[in-house]
Amino acid sequence: MVFLQIQQQLLFYLADVLVKGIRYEFTAPLWQYAGAGGWHFVSLPKKMAKEIRSLLRSEEQGWGRLTATARIGKTEWKTAIWFDTKQDTYLLPVKGEVRKSEGLIVDKSFSTILWL
C-alpha cells in the first residue's frame, strides 16, 4: 500500500514537471525598486539562482530572462524571471493584481512557488 502511494506521488510530480517545468519553492520578502515605476520584486535565494543558472542559462532570452509560472498563495500566473547581475540572483516581478489579491506588503516574507 505504501509503495502504491509513493508511486502515485511520483507520477503526480513527474506530470507536474512535464506540464509546468522544474518546481522551485522559497520564502523571501517583497521589495520595491526605488526608480521610475516603482516595480515590486521578490529576489530568489542566491543558492537557488546559482542552480537555476547552471541548469537553464542556455534557455535564457535577452537580459537573462526565463519564462516561468509563479504561485503566491492561491494566485498563479504566467510570468518571467530576470537575472540581475548587481544582486547576482534572479528577480520575480510581482504585479499589483497579485499583491492586492494576496495582501502582500513590502519587507514581509511569503512563500513563492516557481515552475521553470
N, C-alpha and C. Protein backbone atom coordinates (compact mmCIF):
# COMPACT_ATOMS: atom_id res chain seq x y z
N MET A 1 0.83 -1.21 0.00
CA MET A 1 0.00 0.00 0.00
C MET A 1 0.87 1.27 0.00
N VAL A 2 1.90 1.27 0.85
CA VAL A 2 2.79 2.43 0.91
C VAL A 2 3.49 2.62 -0.43
N PHE A 3 3.91 1.53 -1.04
CA PHE A 3 4.57 1.61 -2.34
C PHE A 3 3.66 2.26 -3.38
N LEU A 4 2.39 1.90 -3.39
CA LEU A 4 1.45 2.49 -4.35
C LEU A 4 1.27 3.98 -4.11
N GLN A 5 1.27 4.39 -2.85
CA GLN A 5 1.15 5.83 -2.53
C GLN A 5 2.39 6.58 -3.03
N ILE A 6 3.55 6.00 -2.81
CA ILE A 6 4.79 6.64 -3.27
C ILE A 6 4.81 6.70 -4.79
N GLN A 7 4.40 5.62 -5.42
CA GLN A 7 4.36 5.57 -6.88
C GLN A 7 3.40 6.64 -7.42
N GLN A 8 2.25 6.79 -6.79
CA GLN A 8 1.27 7.79 -7.22
C GLN A 8 1.82 9.20 -7.04
N GLN A 9 2.50 9.46 -5.92
CA GLN A 9 3.09 10.77 -5.69
C GLN A 9 4.16 11.08 -6.73
N LEU A 10 4.95 10.07 -7.07
CA LEU A 10 5.99 10.25 -8.09
C LEU A 10 5.37 10.56 -9.45
N LEU A 11 4.31 9.88 -9.79
CA LEU A 11 3.63 10.14 -11.06
C LEU A 11 3.06 11.56 -11.11
N PHE A 12 2.46 12.02 -10.01
CA PHE A 12 1.95 13.39 -9.96
C PHE A 12 3.08 14.40 -10.10
N TYR A 13 4.20 14.13 -9.44
CA TYR A 13 5.37 15.01 -9.54
C TYR A 13 5.87 15.08 -10.98
N LEU A 14 6.05 13.92 -11.61
CA LEU A 14 6.54 13.89 -12.98
C LEU A 14 5.58 14.58 -13.95
N ALA A 15 4.29 14.39 -13.75
CA ALA A 15 3.30 15.06 -14.60
C ALA A 15 3.41 16.57 -14.44
N ASP A 16 3.60 17.03 -13.20
CA ASP A 16 3.75 18.46 -12.93
C ASP A 16 4.98 19.02 -13.63
N VAL A 17 6.10 18.29 -13.56
CA VAL A 17 7.34 18.73 -14.20
C VAL A 17 7.16 18.80 -15.72
N LEU A 18 6.51 17.80 -16.29
CA LEU A 18 6.32 17.78 -17.73
C LEU A 18 5.40 18.89 -18.21
N VAL A 19 4.40 19.23 -17.43
CA VAL A 19 3.44 20.26 -17.83
C VAL A 19 3.97 21.66 -17.51
N LYS A 20 4.46 21.87 -16.29
CA LYS A 20 4.85 23.21 -15.86
C LYS A 20 6.34 23.46 -15.84
N GLY A 21 7.15 22.43 -15.72
CA GLY A 21 8.59 22.60 -15.63
C GLY A 21 9.12 22.25 -14.25
N ILE A 22 10.38 22.57 -14.02
CA ILE A 22 11.03 22.28 -12.75
C ILE A 22 10.44 23.18 -11.67
N ARG A 23 10.09 22.60 -10.53
CA ARG A 23 9.47 23.36 -9.44
C ARG A 23 10.53 23.83 -8.44
N TYR A 24 10.42 25.10 -8.08
CA TYR A 24 11.26 25.71 -7.04
C TYR A 24 10.34 26.40 -6.04
N GLU A 25 10.64 26.25 -4.76
CA GLU A 25 9.84 26.91 -3.72
C GLU A 25 10.78 27.61 -2.75
N PHE A 26 10.42 28.83 -2.38
CA PHE A 26 11.26 29.61 -1.47
C PHE A 26 10.41 30.64 -0.72
N THR A 27 10.98 31.18 0.32
CA THR A 27 10.35 32.25 1.09
C THR A 27 11.29 33.45 1.07
N ALA A 28 10.76 34.61 0.73
CA ALA A 28 11.57 35.83 0.65
C ALA A 28 10.65 37.05 0.75
N PRO A 29 11.22 38.20 1.11
CA PRO A 29 10.40 39.41 1.24
C PRO A 29 10.18 40.13 -0.09
N LEU A 30 9.08 40.82 -0.16
CA LEU A 30 8.76 41.70 -1.29
C LEU A 30 9.55 42.99 -1.11
N TRP A 31 10.09 43.53 -2.21
CA TRP A 31 10.76 44.83 -2.14
C TRP A 31 10.36 45.66 -3.35
N GLN A 32 10.51 46.97 -3.21
CA GLN A 32 10.11 47.90 -4.27
C GLN A 32 11.33 48.61 -4.83
N TYR A 33 11.43 48.61 -6.15
CA TYR A 33 12.50 49.31 -6.84
C TYR A 33 12.34 50.80 -6.62
N ALA A 34 13.43 51.48 -6.31
CA ALA A 34 13.37 52.92 -5.99
C ALA A 34 13.24 53.81 -7.22
N GLY A 35 13.50 53.28 -8.40
CA GLY A 35 13.47 54.08 -9.62
C GLY A 35 12.07 54.30 -10.16
N ALA A 36 12.04 54.81 -11.39
CA ALA A 36 10.78 55.11 -12.07
C ALA A 36 9.88 53.88 -12.14
N GLY A 37 8.63 54.07 -11.90
CA GLY A 37 7.66 52.99 -11.98
C GLY A 37 7.43 52.24 -10.69
N GLY A 38 8.44 52.22 -9.82
CA GLY A 38 8.29 51.58 -8.52
C GLY A 38 7.89 50.11 -8.57
N TRP A 39 8.46 49.35 -9.50
CA TRP A 39 8.15 47.93 -9.63
C TRP A 39 8.42 47.20 -8.32
N HIS A 40 7.66 46.14 -8.07
CA HIS A 40 7.83 45.30 -6.89
C HIS A 40 8.41 43.95 -7.32
N PHE A 41 9.35 43.44 -6.53
CA PHE A 41 10.03 42.20 -6.85
C PHE A 41 10.20 41.31 -5.64
N VAL A 42 10.50 40.05 -5.93
CA VAL A 42 10.99 39.09 -4.94
C VAL A 42 12.31 38.57 -5.52
N SER A 43 13.36 38.60 -4.73
CA SER A 43 14.66 38.08 -5.16
C SER A 43 14.75 36.60 -4.78
N LEU A 44 15.12 35.78 -5.74
CA LEU A 44 15.31 34.36 -5.44
C LEU A 44 16.54 34.19 -4.57
N PRO A 45 16.54 33.18 -3.69
CA PRO A 45 17.75 32.91 -2.90
C PRO A 45 18.94 32.66 -3.83
N LYS A 46 20.10 33.17 -3.46
CA LYS A 46 21.26 33.09 -4.35
C LYS A 46 21.67 31.66 -4.66
N LYS A 47 21.58 30.77 -3.70
CA LYS A 47 21.94 29.37 -3.94
C LYS A 47 21.00 28.76 -5.00
N MET A 48 19.72 29.09 -4.91
CA MET A 48 18.74 28.60 -5.88
C MET A 48 19.02 29.21 -7.25
N ALA A 49 19.33 30.50 -7.28
CA ALA A 49 19.62 31.18 -8.55
C ALA A 49 20.84 30.57 -9.22
N LYS A 50 21.83 30.22 -8.43
CA LYS A 50 23.04 29.60 -8.98
C LYS A 50 22.70 28.26 -9.63
N GLU A 51 21.85 27.47 -8.97
CA GLU A 51 21.43 26.19 -9.53
C GLU A 51 20.65 26.39 -10.83
N ILE A 52 19.70 27.32 -10.81
CA ILE A 52 18.89 27.60 -12.00
C ILE A 52 19.77 28.05 -13.15
N ARG A 53 20.70 28.94 -12.86
CA ARG A 53 21.57 29.47 -13.92
C ARG A 53 22.45 28.37 -14.50
N SER A 54 22.92 27.47 -13.65
CA SER A 54 23.78 26.40 -14.16
C SER A 54 22.98 25.41 -15.02
N LEU A 55 21.70 25.22 -14.70
CA LEU A 55 20.87 24.29 -15.46
C LEU A 55 20.23 24.91 -16.70
N LEU A 56 19.83 26.18 -16.60
CA LEU A 56 18.96 26.77 -17.63
C LEU A 56 19.52 28.00 -18.33
N ARG A 57 20.77 28.31 -18.12
CA ARG A 57 21.33 29.52 -18.75
C ARG A 57 21.18 29.49 -20.27
N SER A 58 21.30 28.32 -20.86
CA SER A 58 21.16 28.21 -22.31
C SER A 58 19.74 28.51 -22.78
N GLU A 59 18.77 28.48 -21.86
CA GLU A 59 17.37 28.77 -22.19
C GLU A 59 17.03 30.25 -22.01
N GLU A 60 17.94 31.02 -21.42
CA GLU A 60 17.66 32.44 -21.18
C GLU A 60 17.49 33.20 -22.49
N GLN A 61 16.57 34.14 -22.45
CA GLN A 61 16.37 35.05 -23.57
C GLN A 61 17.10 36.35 -23.22
N GLY A 62 16.86 37.42 -23.94
CA GLY A 62 17.53 38.69 -23.68
C GLY A 62 17.44 39.13 -22.23
N TRP A 63 18.50 39.74 -21.72
CA TRP A 63 18.59 40.25 -20.35
C TRP A 63 18.46 39.16 -19.29
N GLY A 64 18.81 37.94 -19.63
CA GLY A 64 18.76 36.85 -18.66
C GLY A 64 17.36 36.43 -18.27
N ARG A 65 16.43 36.56 -19.22
CA ARG A 65 15.01 36.27 -18.96
C ARG A 65 14.70 34.80 -19.15
N LEU A 66 13.99 34.23 -18.16
CA LEU A 66 13.47 32.87 -18.25
C LEU A 66 11.96 32.90 -18.03
N THR A 67 11.22 32.28 -18.93
CA THR A 67 9.77 32.23 -18.74
C THR A 67 9.46 31.33 -17.54
N ALA A 68 8.37 31.64 -16.86
CA ALA A 68 8.03 30.93 -15.63
C ALA A 68 6.53 30.97 -15.39
N THR A 69 6.10 30.10 -14.52
CA THR A 69 4.78 30.18 -13.91
C THR A 69 5.04 30.37 -12.43
N ALA A 70 4.35 31.31 -11.82
CA ALA A 70 4.55 31.60 -10.39
C ALA A 70 3.25 31.41 -9.63
N ARG A 71 3.39 31.04 -8.37
CA ARG A 71 2.23 30.96 -7.48
C ARG A 71 2.61 31.55 -6.13
N ILE A 72 1.79 32.49 -5.70
CA ILE A 72 1.88 33.05 -4.36
C ILE A 72 0.50 32.89 -3.76
N GLY A 73 0.41 32.18 -2.65
CA GLY A 73 -0.90 31.90 -2.06
C GLY A 73 -1.74 31.11 -3.04
N LYS A 74 -2.93 31.62 -3.34
CA LYS A 74 -3.83 30.95 -4.29
C LYS A 74 -3.73 31.54 -5.70
N THR A 75 -2.88 32.55 -5.87
CA THR A 75 -2.76 33.23 -7.16
C THR A 75 -1.62 32.64 -7.98
N GLU A 76 -1.94 32.20 -9.19
CA GLU A 76 -0.94 31.63 -10.10
C GLU A 76 -1.00 32.39 -11.41
N TRP A 77 0.16 32.70 -11.98
CA TRP A 77 0.20 33.45 -13.24
C TRP A 77 1.45 33.12 -14.05
N LYS A 78 1.34 33.36 -15.36
CA LYS A 78 2.47 33.22 -16.28
C LYS A 78 3.30 34.49 -16.19
N THR A 79 4.61 34.34 -16.11
CA THR A 79 5.49 35.48 -15.94
C THR A 79 6.88 35.13 -16.43
N ALA A 80 7.88 35.81 -15.93
CA ALA A 80 9.27 35.53 -16.23
C ALA A 80 10.11 36.00 -15.06
N ILE A 81 11.31 35.45 -14.96
CA ILE A 81 12.28 35.96 -14.00
C ILE A 81 13.45 36.50 -14.81
N TRP A 82 14.15 37.49 -14.26
CA TRP A 82 15.29 38.11 -14.92
C TRP A 82 16.50 38.01 -14.02
N PHE A 83 17.67 37.73 -14.62
CA PHE A 83 18.89 37.68 -13.83
C PHE A 83 19.42 39.09 -13.64
N ASP A 84 19.66 39.46 -12.38
CA ASP A 84 20.19 40.77 -12.04
C ASP A 84 21.66 40.59 -11.64
N THR A 85 22.57 41.12 -12.46
CA THR A 85 23.99 40.95 -12.18
C THR A 85 24.44 41.71 -10.94
N LYS A 86 23.74 42.79 -10.57
CA LYS A 86 24.11 43.54 -9.37
C LYS A 86 23.81 42.75 -8.10
N GLN A 87 22.68 42.04 -8.10
CA GLN A 87 22.31 41.24 -6.92
C GLN A 87 22.78 39.79 -7.05
N ASP A 88 23.25 39.41 -8.23
CA ASP A 88 23.70 38.05 -8.52
C ASP A 88 22.61 37.02 -8.24
N THR A 89 21.38 37.36 -8.65
CA THR A 89 20.25 36.45 -8.49
C THR A 89 19.17 36.82 -9.50
N TYR A 90 18.17 35.97 -9.58
CA TYR A 90 17.01 36.26 -10.43
C TYR A 90 15.99 37.06 -9.64
N LEU A 91 15.25 37.89 -10.37
CA LEU A 91 14.18 38.70 -9.79
C LEU A 91 12.85 38.28 -10.38
N LEU A 92 11.86 38.14 -9.52
CA LEU A 92 10.50 37.85 -9.95
C LEU A 92 9.67 39.11 -9.75
N PRO A 93 9.17 39.72 -10.82
CA PRO A 93 8.29 40.88 -10.66
C PRO A 93 6.92 40.41 -10.14
N VAL A 94 6.38 41.17 -9.19
CA VAL A 94 5.08 40.82 -8.61
C VAL A 94 4.12 41.96 -8.91
N LYS A 95 3.19 41.71 -9.84
CA LYS A 95 2.29 42.77 -10.29
C LYS A 95 1.26 43.13 -9.22
N GLY A 96 0.71 44.32 -9.37
CA GLY A 96 -0.24 44.87 -8.41
C GLY A 96 -1.43 43.97 -8.13
N GLU A 97 -1.95 43.34 -9.16
CA GLU A 97 -3.10 42.44 -9.00
C GLU A 97 -2.79 41.31 -8.02
N VAL A 98 -1.58 40.76 -8.12
CA VAL A 98 -1.17 39.67 -7.22
C VAL A 98 -0.97 40.22 -5.81
N ARG A 99 -0.29 41.36 -5.69
CA ARG A 99 -0.05 41.95 -4.36
C ARG A 99 -1.36 42.23 -3.66
N LYS A 100 -2.32 42.75 -4.39
CA LYS A 100 -3.61 43.09 -3.80
C LYS A 100 -4.39 41.84 -3.40
N SER A 101 -4.48 40.86 -4.29
CA SER A 101 -5.28 39.67 -4.00
C SER A 101 -4.69 38.83 -2.87
N GLU A 102 -3.37 38.89 -2.69
CA GLU A 102 -2.71 38.10 -1.64
C GLU A 102 -2.33 38.93 -0.42
N GLY A 103 -2.64 40.23 -0.44
CA GLY A 103 -2.35 41.08 0.71
C GLY A 103 -0.87 41.24 1.01
N LEU A 104 -0.05 41.30 -0.05
CA LEU A 104 1.39 41.40 0.13
C LEU A 104 1.83 42.83 0.40
N ILE A 105 2.78 42.98 1.30
CA ILE A 105 3.32 44.30 1.59
C ILE A 105 4.85 44.23 1.59
N VAL A 106 5.47 45.35 1.28
CA VAL A 106 6.92 45.45 1.19
C VAL A 106 7.56 45.04 2.52
N ASP A 107 8.67 44.34 2.41
CA ASP A 107 9.51 43.86 3.52
C ASP A 107 8.93 42.68 4.29
N LYS A 108 7.78 42.17 3.90
CA LYS A 108 7.20 40.98 4.54
C LYS A 108 7.50 39.76 3.67
N SER A 109 7.94 38.69 4.29
CA SER A 109 8.26 37.46 3.56
C SER A 109 7.02 36.60 3.34
N PHE A 110 7.04 35.85 2.27
CA PHE A 110 5.95 34.93 1.94
C PHE A 110 6.50 33.82 1.07
N SER A 111 5.77 32.75 0.98
CA SER A 111 6.18 31.59 0.19
C SER A 111 5.83 31.81 -1.28
N THR A 112 6.76 31.43 -2.14
CA THR A 112 6.58 31.54 -3.59
C THR A 112 6.95 30.21 -4.24
N ILE A 113 6.17 29.79 -5.21
CA ILE A 113 6.48 28.61 -5.99
C ILE A 113 6.69 29.05 -7.43
N LEU A 114 7.76 28.58 -8.04
CA LEU A 114 8.07 28.87 -9.44
C LEU A 114 8.22 27.57 -10.21
N TRP A 115 7.73 27.56 -11.42
CA TRP A 115 8.00 26.47 -12.35
C TRP A 115 8.73 27.06 -13.54
N LEU A 116 9.86 26.49 -13.87
CA LEU A 116 10.68 26.99 -15.00
C LEU A 116 10.82 25.90 -16.05
